[in-house]
């Protein structure tokens, strides 16, 4: 059986780590768009691509080498990239206004929903407190 020779990808992982990233849980080579699916049990790897590269299987030996190179890349390169991105996000001033706006929307939706769930309270005289409050003139400001 013919196998796909992934040694160029293994070399690229070691020598050009910035050409790779992780998208949707898959290792992706950014220039080519090739993705690597690793067996969760650690046995094999396969290529997903929009070309004929995906037609050939990777040999067991090269699957193990690619998996090992991936783990090295993830530890020595990708983990550092993720930590630095996370650290930078802590200082992104745009984050706080976005968060405040989202929380305000959530609060508004919650209060609207709560208003629908809780009927207007009735006073002892039988009229609703909402109607009584609407009929009362506002208090002058001091």
Foldseek 3Di string as FASTA:
>chain_A
DDAQDCVVVLVCCVPPVVQWDADPNWIARNVQRKTKDADPVRFFIAIDHPDCRRVGGHDRVVRNSSVVSVVVSCVPPVVVVVVVVVVVVVVDVVVVVVVVVVVVVVVVVVVVVVPVVDDFPADPVGHGVVVVVVPDDDDDDD
